[in-house]
Amino acid sequence: MALSYKARRRWSLIILIVGLPVYIVAAVAFIALFDRPPIWLELIVYVALGIAWAFPLKAVFMGVGKADPDEPQD
């Protein structure tokens, strides 16, 4: 079942305002579980986690910045 344009806009806003900060705190807490790794390894982990959150949510964010395709054109 595909999400409508309005539903995708709402979900993308919720994800960016609530979900992304929670994900950032979880990533920092995950790194804090281990002894402080070398800075290069920490950087690689943060970059990988920073990219990894977007792939499962790609469908939600597709076309959100464009005009509503269901809206009548004038």
PDB file of N, CA and C in Angstrom:
ATOM      1  N   MET A   1       0.842  -1.170   0.000  1.00  0.00           N
ATOM      2  CA  MET A   1       0.000   0.000   0.000  1.00  0.00           C
ATOM      3  C   MET A   1       0.894   1.242   0.000  1.00  0.00           C
ATOM      4  N   ALA A   2       0.738   2.068  -1.005  1.00  0.00           N
ATOM      5  CA  ALA A   2       1.543   3.281  -1.129  1.00  0.00           C
ATOM      6  C   ALA A   2       0.933   4.398  -0.288  1.00  0.00           C
ATOM      7  N   LEU A   3       1.803   5.219   0.258  1.00  0.00           N
ATOM      8  CA  LEU A   3       1.342   6.356   1.045  1.00  0.00           C
ATOM      9  C   LEU A   3       0.949   7.498   0.118  1.00  0.00           C
ATOM     10  N   SER A   4      -0.053   8.249   0.509  1.00  0.00           N
ATOM     11  CA  SER A   4      -0.431   9.419  -0.265  1.00  0.00           C
ATOM     12  C   SER A   4       0.614  10.507  -0.069  1.00  0.00           C
ATOM     13  N   TYR A   5       0.540  11.534  -0.883  1.00  0.00           N
ATOM     14  CA  TYR A   5       1.490  12.636  -0.806  1.00  0.00           C
ATOM     15  C   TYR A   5       1.425  13.322   0.565  1.00  0.00           C
ATOM     16  N   LYS A   6       0.207  13.570   1.052  1.00  0.00           N
ATOM     17  CA  LYS A   6       0.057  14.236   2.353  1.00  0.00           C
ATOM     18  C   LYS A   6       0.577  13.357   3.483  1.00  0.00           C
ATOM     19  N   ALA A   7       0.336  12.063   3.399  1.00  0.00           N
ATOM     20  CA  ALA A   7       0.836  11.150   4.429  1.00  0.00           C
ATOM     21  C   ALA A   7       2.356  11.104   4.419  1.00  0.00           C
ATOM     22  N   ARG A   8       2.957  11.085   3.242  1.00  0.00           N
ATOM     23  CA  ARG A   8       4.423  11.103   3.154  1.00  0.00           C
ATOM     24  C   ARG A   8       4.991  12.388   3.734  1.00  0.00           C
ATOM     25  N   ARG A   9       4.325  13.519   3.474  1.00  0.00           N
ATOM     26  CA  ARG A   9       4.802  14.798   4.034  1.00  0.00           C
ATOM     27  C   ARG A   9       4.724  14.786   5.556  1.00  0.00           C
ATOM     28  N   ARG A  10       3.616  14.278   6.088  1.00  0.00           N
ATOM     29  CA  ARG A  10       3.465  14.227   7.544  1.00  0.00           C
ATOM     30  C   ARG A  10       4.492  13.298   8.171  1.00  0.00           C
ATOM     31  N   TRP A  11       4.648  12.099   7.594  1.00  0.00           N
ATOM     32  CA  TRP A  11       5.608  11.143   8.135  1.00  0.00           C
ATOM     33  C   TRP A  11       7.032  11.658   8.030  1.00  0.00           C
ATOM     34  N   SER A  12       7.360  12.326   6.935  1.00  0.00           N
ATOM     35  CA  SER A  12       8.722  12.851   6.805  1.00  0.00           C
ATOM     36  C   SER A  12       8.983  13.924   7.856  1.00  0.00           C
ATOM     37  N   LEU A  13       8.001  14.746   8.149  1.00  0.00           N
ATOM     38  CA  LEU A  13       8.154  15.767   9.182  1.00  0.00           C
ATOM     39  C   LEU A  13       8.325  15.132  10.561  1.00  0.00           C
ATOM     40  N   ILE A  14       7.529  14.131  10.865  1.00  0.00           N
ATOM     41  CA  ILE A  14       7.646  13.435  12.146  1.00  0.00           C
ATOM     42  C   ILE A  14       9.003  12.752  12.260  1.00  0.00           C
ATOM     43  N   ILE A  15       9.450  12.130  11.184  1.00  0.00           N
ATOM     44  CA  ILE A  15      10.743  11.454  11.197  1.00  0.00           C
ATOM     45  C   ILE A  15      11.866  12.445  11.438  1.00  0.00           C
ATOM     46  N   LEU A  16      11.824  13.593  10.774  1.00  0.00           N
ATOM     47  CA  LEU A  16      12.901  14.563  10.910  1.00  0.00           C
ATOM     48  C   LEU A  16      12.889  15.278  12.263  1.00  0.00           C
ATOM     49  N   ILE A  17      11.708  15.536  12.816  1.00  0.00           N
ATOM     50  CA  ILE A  17      11.627  16.287  14.070  1.00  0.00           C
ATOM     51  C   ILE A  17      11.780  15.380  15.288  1.00  0.00           C
ATOM     52  N   VAL A  18      11.231  14.183  15.234  1.00  0.00           N
ATOM     53  CA  VAL A  18      11.265  13.293  16.394  1.00  0.00           C
ATOM     54  C   VAL A  18      12.256  12.143  16.194  1.00  0.00           C
ATOM     55  N   GLY A  19      12.132  11.464  15.091  1.00  0.00           N
ATOM     56  CA  GLY A  19      12.908  10.249  14.873  1.00  0.00           C
ATOM     57  C   GLY A  19      14.395  10.467  14.718  1.00  0.00           C
ATOM     58  N   LEU A  20      14.794  11.475  13.975  1.00  0.00           N
ATOM     59  CA  LEU A  20      16.215  11.702  13.741  1.00  0.00           C
ATOM     60  C   LEU A  20      16.964  12.082  15.021  1.00  0.00           C
ATOM     61  N   PRO A  21      16.444  12.986  15.855  1.00  0.00           N
ATOM     62  CA  PRO A  21      17.144  13.235  17.130  1.00  0.00           C
ATOM     63  C   PRO A  21      17.238  11.988  18.021  1.00  0.00           C
ATOM     64  N   VAL A  22      16.189  11.180  18.048  1.00  0.00           N
ATOM     65  CA  VAL A  22      16.230   9.939  18.824  1.00  0.00           C
ATOM     66  C   VAL A  22      17.292   9.008  18.258  1.00  0.00           C
ATOM     67  N   TYR A  23      17.390   8.929  16.948  1.00  0.00           N
ATOM     68  CA  TYR A  23      18.389   8.094  16.295  1.00  0.00           C
ATOM     69  C   TYR A  23      19.806   8.591  16.610  1.00  0.00           C
ATOM     70  N   ILE A  24      20.006   9.902  16.635  1.00  0.00           N
ATOM     71  CA  ILE A  24      21.317  10.472  16.950  1.00  0.00           C
ATOM     72  C   ILE A  24      21.709  10.129  18.382  1.00  0.00           C
ATOM     73  N   VAL A  25      20.788  10.274  19.316  1.00  0.00           N
ATOM     74  CA  VAL A  25      21.068   9.936  20.715  1.00  0.00           C
ATOM     75  C   VAL A  25      21.379   8.447  20.841  1.00  0.00           C
ATOM     76  N   ALA A  26      20.650   7.610  20.121  1.00  0.00           N
ATOM     77  CA  ALA A  26      20.916   6.168  20.156  1.00  0.00           C
ATOM     78  C   ALA A  26      22.292   5.846  19.582  1.00  0.00           C
ATOM     79  N   ALA A  27      22.696   6.532  18.518  1.00  0.00           N
ATOM     80  CA  ALA A  27      24.019   6.289  17.928  1.00  0.00           C
ATOM     81  C   ALA A  27      25.121   6.707  18.889  1.00  0.00           C
ATOM     82  N   VAL A  28      24.954   7.830  19.548  1.00  0.00           N
ATOM     83  CA  VAL A  28      25.958   8.289  20.516  1.00  0.00           C
ATOM     84  C   VAL A  28      26.002   7.338  21.709  1.00  0.00           C
ATOM     85  N   ALA A  29      24.844   6.872  22.146  1.00  0.00           N
ATOM     86  CA  ALA A  29      24.805   5.930  23.266  1.00  0.00           C
ATOM     87  C   ALA A  29      25.450   4.601  22.877  1.00  0.00           C
ATOM     88  N   PHE A  30      25.286   4.185  21.648  1.00  0.00           N
ATOM     89  CA  PHE A  30      25.901   2.947  21.165  1.00  0.00           C
ATOM     90  C   PHE A  30      27.422   3.059  21.200  1.00  0.00           C
ATOM     91  N   ILE A  31      27.955   4.175  20.750  1.00  0.00           N
ATOM     92  CA  ILE A  31      29.406   4.388  20.780  1.00  0.00           C
ATOM     93  C   ILE A  31      29.897   4.481  22.230  1.00  0.00           C
ATOM     94  N   ALA A  32      29.083   5.045  23.113  1.00  0.00           N
ATOM     95  CA  ALA A  32      29.482   5.206  24.506  1.00  0.00           C
ATOM     96  C   ALA A  32      29.546   3.867  25.248  1.00  0.00           C
ATOM     97  N   LEU A  33      28.915   2.829  24.712  1.00  0.00           N
ATOM     98  CA  LEU A  33      28.981   1.514  25.344  1.00  0.00           C
ATOM     99  C   LEU A  33      30.401   0.957  25.341  1.00  0.00           C
ATOM    100  N   PHE A  34      31.157   1.315  24.341  1.00  0.00           N
ATOM    101  CA  PHE A  34      32.523   0.832  24.203  1.00  0.00           C
ATOM    102  C   PHE A  34      33.484   1.877  24.751  1.00  0.00           C
ATOM    103  N   ASP A  35      34.697   1.436  25.040  1.00  0.00           N
ATOM    104  CA  ASP A  35      35.719   2.422  25.372  1.00  0.00           C
ATOM    105  C   ASP A  35      35.887   3.339  24.182  1.00  0.00           C
ATOM    106  N   ARG A  36      36.302   4.546  24.416  1.00  0.00           N
ATOM    107  CA  ARG A  36      36.438   5.518  23.326  1.00  0.00           C
ATOM    108  C   ARG A  36      37.329   4.945  22.226  1.00  0.00           C
ATOM    109  N   PRO A  37      36.725   4.646  21.042  1.00  0.00           N
ATOM    110  CA  PRO A  37      37.540   4.098  19.950  1.00  0.00           C
ATOM    111  C   PRO A  37      38.413   5.192  19.336  1.00  0.00           C
ATOM    112  N   PRO A  38      39.360   4.808  18.498  1.00  0.00           N
ATOM    113  CA  PRO A  38      40.159   5.822  17.798  1.00  0.00           C
ATOM    114  C   PRO A  38      39.243   6.754  17.000  1.00  0.00           C
ATOM    115  N   ILE A  39      39.676   7.980  16.829  1.00  0.00           N
ATOM    116  CA  ILE A  39      38.836   8.998  16.190  1.00  0.00           C
ATOM    117  C   ILE A  39      38.451   8.593  14.770  1.00  0.00           C
ATOM    118  N   TRP A  40      39.342   7.938  14.038  1.00  0.00           N
ATOM    119  CA  TRP A  40      39.026   7.536  12.662  1.00  0.00           C
ATOM    120  C   TRP A  40      37.934   6.473  12.646  1.00  0.00           C
ATOM    121  N   LEU A  41      37.966   5.546  13.606  1.00  0.00           N
ATOM    122  CA  LEU A  41      36.931   4.515  13.680  1.00  0.00           C
ATOM    123  C   LEU A  41      35.604   5.120  14.105  1.00  0.00           C
ATOM    124  N   GLU A  42      35.656   6.041  15.049  1.00  0.00           N
ATOM    125  CA  GLU A  42      34.439   6.719  15.490  1.00  0.00           C
ATOM    126  C   GLU A  42      33.811   7.501  14.330  1.00  0.00           C
ATOM    127  N   LEU A  43      34.643   8.164  13.554  1.00  0.00           N
ATOM    128  CA  LEU A  43      34.153   8.904  12.395  1.00  0.00           C
ATOM    129  C   LEU A  43      33.500   7.974  11.385  1.00  0.00           C
ATOM    130  N   ILE A  44      34.118   6.843  11.113  1.00  0.00           N
ATOM    131  CA  ILE A  44      33.555   5.876  10.164  1.00  0.00           C
ATOM    132  C   ILE A  44      32.204   5.360  10.657  1.00  0.00           C
ATOM    133  N   VAL A  45      32.110   5.070  11.951  1.00  0.00           N
ATOM    134  CA  VAL A  45      30.838   4.572  12.512  1.00  0.00           C
ATOM    135  C   VAL A  45      29.750   5.628  12.401  1.00  0.00           C
ATOM    136  N   TYR A  46      30.075   6.890  12.734  1.00  0.00           N
ATOM    137  CA  TYR A  46      29.072   7.950  12.654  1.00  0.00           C
ATOM    138  C   TYR A  46      28.645   8.220  11.212  1.00  0.00           C
ATOM    139  N   VAL A  47      29.574   8.180  10.290  1.00  0.00           N
ATOM    140  CA  VAL A  47      29.220   8.385   8.876  1.00  0.00           C
ATOM    141  C   VAL A  47      28.341   7.236   8.387  1.00  0.00           C
ATOM    142  N   ALA A  48      28.696   6.008   8.741  1.00  0.00           N
ATOM    143  CA  ALA A  48      27.894   4.846   8.327  1.00  0.00           C
ATOM    144  C   ALA A  48      26.488   4.909   8.932  1.00  0.00           C
ATOM    145  N   LEU A  49      26.387   5.247  10.206  1.00  0.00           N
ATOM    146  CA  LEU A  49      25.066   5.363  10.832  1.00  0.00           C
ATOM    147  C   LEU A  49      24.290   6.552  10.274  1.00  0.00           C
ATOM    148  N   GLY A  50      25.001   7.600   9.893  1.00  0.00           N
ATOM    149  CA  GLY A  50      24.341   8.770   9.304  1.00  0.00           C
ATOM    150  C   GLY A  50      23.751   8.483   7.944  1.00  0.00           C
ATOM    151  N   ILE A  51      24.363   7.570   7.212  1.00  0.00           N
ATOM    152  CA  ILE A  51      23.840   7.188   5.899  1.00  0.00           C
ATOM    153  C   ILE A  51      22.789   6.087   6.042  1.00  0.00           C
ATOM    154  N   ALA A  52      22.998   5.189   6.991  1.00  0.00           N
ATOM    155  CA  ALA A  52      22.141   4.007   7.123  1.00  0.00           C
ATOM    156  C   ALA A  52      20.688   4.332   7.458  1.00  0.00           C
ATOM    157  N   TRP A  53      20.415   5.420   8.142  1.00  0.00           N
ATOM    158  CA  TRP A  53      19.031   5.711   8.515  1.00  0.00           C
ATOM    159  C   TRP A  53      18.192   6.102   7.301  1.00  0.00           C
ATOM    160  N   ALA A  54      18.825   6.626   6.266  1.00  0.00           N
ATOM    161  CA  ALA A  54      18.080   7.151   5.126  1.00  0.00           C
ATOM    162  C   ALA A  54      17.592   6.059   4.176  1.00  0.00           C
ATOM    163  N   PHE A  55      18.320   4.965   4.046  1.00  0.00           N
ATOM    164  CA  PHE A  55      17.934   3.946   3.067  1.00  0.00           C
ATOM    165  C   PHE A  55      16.571   3.316   3.329  1.00  0.00           C
ATOM    166  N   PRO A  56      16.234   2.906   4.542  1.00  0.00           N
ATOM    167  CA  PRO A  56      14.897   2.333   4.751  1.00  0.00           C
ATOM    168  C   PRO A  56      13.774   3.362   4.605  1.00  0.00           C
ATOM    169  N   LEU A  57      14.100   4.634   4.763  1.00  0.00           N
ATOM    170  CA  LEU A  57      13.076   5.685   4.724  1.00  0.00           C
ATOM    171  C   LEU A  57      13.047   6.427   3.390  1.00  0.00           C
ATOM    172  N   LYS A  58      13.764   5.940   2.413  1.00  0.00           N
ATOM    173  CA  LYS A  58      13.850   6.610   1.122  1.00  0.00           C
ATOM    174  C   LYS A  58      12.473   6.798   0.480  1.00  0.00           C
ATOM    175  N   ALA A  59      11.628   5.806   0.573  1.00  0.00           N
ATOM    176  CA  ALA A  59      10.299   5.877  -0.042  1.00  0.00           C
ATOM    177  C   ALA A  59       9.437   6.968   0.591  1.00  0.00           C
ATOM    178  N   VAL A  60       9.653   7.237   1.860  1.00  0.00           N
ATOM    179  CA  VAL A  60       8.860   8.267   2.539  1.00  0.00           C
ATOM    180  C   VAL A  60       9.249   9.651   2.043  1.00  0.00           C
ATOM    181  N   PHE A  61      10.539   9.864   1.794  1.00  0.00           N
ATOM    182  CA  PHE A  61      11.029  11.185   1.439  1.00  0.00           C
ATOM    183  C   PHE A  61      10.985  11.472  -0.066  1.00  0.00           C
ATOM    184  N   MET A  62      10.712  10.480  -0.892  1.00  0.00           N
ATOM    185  CA  MET A  62      10.699  10.684  -2.347  1.00  0.00           C
ATOM    186  C   MET A  62       9.591  11.655  -2.760  1.00  0.00           C
ATOM    187  N   GLY A  63       9.964  12.742  -3.403  1.00  0.00           N
ATOM    188  CA  GLY A  63       9.019  13.688  -3.962  1.00  0.00           C
ATOM    189  C   GLY A  63       8.340  14.603  -2.972  1.00  0.00           C
ATOM    190  N   VAL A  64       8.769  14.613  -1.720  1.00  0.00           N
ATOM    191  CA  VAL A  64       8.102  15.435  -0.713  1.00  0.00           C
ATOM    192  C   VAL A  64       8.338  16.916  -0.976  1.00  0.00           C
ATOM    193  N   GLY A  65       9.478  17.275  -1.544  1.00  0.00           N
ATOM    194  CA  GLY A  65       9.785  18.676  -1.799  1.00  0.00           C
ATOM    195  C   GLY A  65       9.124  19.241  -3.039  1.00  0.00           C
ATOM    196  N   LYS A  66       8.477  18.397  -3.812  1.00  0.00           N
ATOM    197  CA  LYS A  66       7.808  18.839  -5.040  1.00  0.00           C
ATOM    198  C   LYS A  66       6.358  19.204  -4.755  1.00  0.00           C
ATOM    199  N   ALA A  67       5.728  19.790  -5.743  1.00  0.00           N
ATOM    200  CA  ALA A  67       4.310  20.153  -5.608  1.00  0.00           C
ATOM    201  C   ALA A  67       3.470  18.881  -5.538  1.00  0.00           C
ATOM    202  N   ASP A  68       2.306  19.013  -4.911  1.00  0.00           N
ATOM    203  CA  ASP A  68       1.386  17.885  -4.781  1.00  0.00           C
ATOM    204  C   ASP A  68       0.944  17.413  -6.153  1.00  0.00           C
ATOM    205  N   PRO A  69       1.221  16.165  -6.524  1.00  0.00           N
ATOM    206  CA  PRO A  69       0.828  15.687  -7.851  1.00  0.00           C
ATOM    207  C   PRO A  69      -0.685  15.502  -8.011  1.00  0.00           C
ATOM    208  N   ASP A  70      -1.409  15.381  -6.902  1.00  0.00           N
ATOM    209  CA  ASP A  70      -2.864  15.177  -6.974  1.00  0.00           C
ATOM    210  C   ASP A  70      -3.631  16.503  -7.012  1.00  0.00           C
ATOM    211  N   GLU A  71      -2.938  17.603  -6.765  1.00  0.00           N
ATOM    212  CA  GLU A  71      -3.581  18.909  -6.756  1.00  0.00           C
ATOM    213  C   GLU A  71      -3.875  19.358  -8.203  1.00  0.00           C
ATOM    214  N   PRO A  72      -5.074  19.893  -8.458  1.00  0.00           N
ATOM    215  CA  PRO A  72      -5.387  20.331  -9.816  1.00  0.00           C
ATOM    216  C   PRO A  72      -4.479  21.494 -10.250  1.00  0.00           C
ATOM    217  N   GLN A  73      -4.025  21.437 -11.485  1.00  0.00           N
ATOM    218  CA  GLN A  73      -3.166  22.480 -12.030  1.00  0.00           C
ATOM    219  C   GLN A  73      -4.017  23.637 -12.533  1.00  0.00           C
ATOM    220  N   ASP A  74      -3.556  24.867 -12.341  1.00  0.00           N
ATOM    221  CA  ASP A  74      -4.285  26.033 -12.850  1.00  0.00           C
ATOM    222  C   ASP A  74      -3.757  26.443 -14.206  1.00  0.00           C
TER     223      ASP A  74
END
